[in-house]
C-alpha cells in the first residue's frame, strides 16, 4: 500500500494549500488589519471572503497526524 503523503499529488496539494494560506494572510488579512479606515468595495470584499472560505474548507477537511 502506498503512503498517501509520499505521493506527488499529496505533495502538490500540501504545498499549494500552504502557499495559498500564506498568500491570503499576507495579501488580504494583514493589510486590512493594519490600515484603519480603509473601506473595501462590495465586490472586492466578497472576493476576499471567497478566498478565505476556500482556505477554511480545506482546513476543515484536513486531518491531523501525529509524528511517530
Protein backbone atom coordinates (compact mmCIF):
# COMPACT_ATOMS: atom_id res chain seq x y z
CA UNK A 1 0.00 0.00 0.00
CA UNK A 2 1.35 3.41 -0.98
CA UNK A 3 1.80 6.01 1.73
CA UNK A 4 -0.57 8.78 0.57
CA UNK A 5 1.68 11.53 1.95
CA UNK A 6 4.56 10.37 -0.23
CA UNK A 7 2.66 10.77 -3.49
CA UNK A 8 3.22 13.66 -5.88
CA UNK A 9 -0.48 14.54 -5.71
CA UNK A 10 -0.43 14.92 -1.91
CA UNK A 11 2.79 16.91 -2.03
CA UNK A 12 1.40 19.27 -4.68
CA UNK A 13 -1.83 19.78 -2.73
CA UNK A 14 0.02 20.34 0.54
CA UNK A 15 2.47 22.83 -0.98
CA UNK A 16 -0.30 24.66 -2.81
CA UNK A 17 -2.52 24.91 0.26
CA UNK A 18 0.37 26.23 2.36
CA UNK A 19 1.27 28.84 -0.27
CA UNK A 20 -2.38 29.87 -0.62
CA UNK A 21 -2.73 30.27 3.16
CA UNK A 22 0.40 32.41 3.36
CA UNK A 23 -0.81 34.45 0.40
CA UNK A 24 -4.28 35.25 1.71
CA UNK A 25 -2.90 36.21 5.09
CA UNK A 26 -0.10 38.36 3.66
CA UNK A 27 -2.11 39.87 0.84
CA UNK A 28 -5.58 40.21 2.34
CA UNK A 29 -5.68 39.87 6.10
CA UNK A 30 -2.54 41.77 7.09
CA UNK A 31 -3.12 44.95 5.04
CA UNK A 32 -6.74 45.20 6.21
CA UNK A 33 -5.76 44.67 9.84
CA UNK A 34 -3.12 47.40 9.71
CA UNK A 35 -4.89 50.10 7.70
CA UNK A 36 -7.67 51.61 9.79
CA UNK A 37 -10.44 53.43 7.97
CA UNK A 38 -9.97 51.89 4.53
CA UNK A 39 -13.27 50.56 3.21
CA UNK A 40 -13.45 47.88 0.54
CA UNK A 41 -15.83 47.93 -2.37
CA UNK A 42 -18.52 45.27 -2.01
CA UNK A 43 -17.25 43.11 -4.88
CA UNK A 44 -13.67 43.22 -3.54
CA UNK A 45 -14.85 42.25 -0.05
CA UNK A 46 -16.84 39.31 -1.47
CA UNK A 47 -13.85 38.11 -3.49
CA UNK A 48 -11.64 38.21 -0.42
CA UNK A 49 -14.27 36.42 1.63
CA UNK A 50 -14.43 33.72 -1.04
CA UNK A 51 -10.66 33.22 -0.84
CA UNK A 52 -10.81 32.74 2.93
CA UNK A 53 -13.83 30.46 2.50
CA UNK A 54 -11.81 28.15 0.27
CA UNK A 55 -8.98 28.10 2.79
CA UNK A 56 -11.41 27.36 5.64
CA UNK A 57 -12.95 24.47 3.67
CA UNK A 58 -9.51 22.97 3.07
CA UNK A 59 -8.65 23.28 6.76
CA UNK A 60 -11.96 21.65 7.76
CA UNK A 61 -11.28 18.65 5.54
CA UNK A 62 -7.67 18.21 6.67
CA UNK A 63 -6.62 15.54 9.09
CA UNK A 64 -4.05 15.91 11.84
CA UNK A 65 -1.47 13.19 12.13
CA UNK A 66 0.98 12.74 14.98
CA UNK A 67 4.60 12.17 14.14
CA UNK A 68 5.88 8.74 15.06
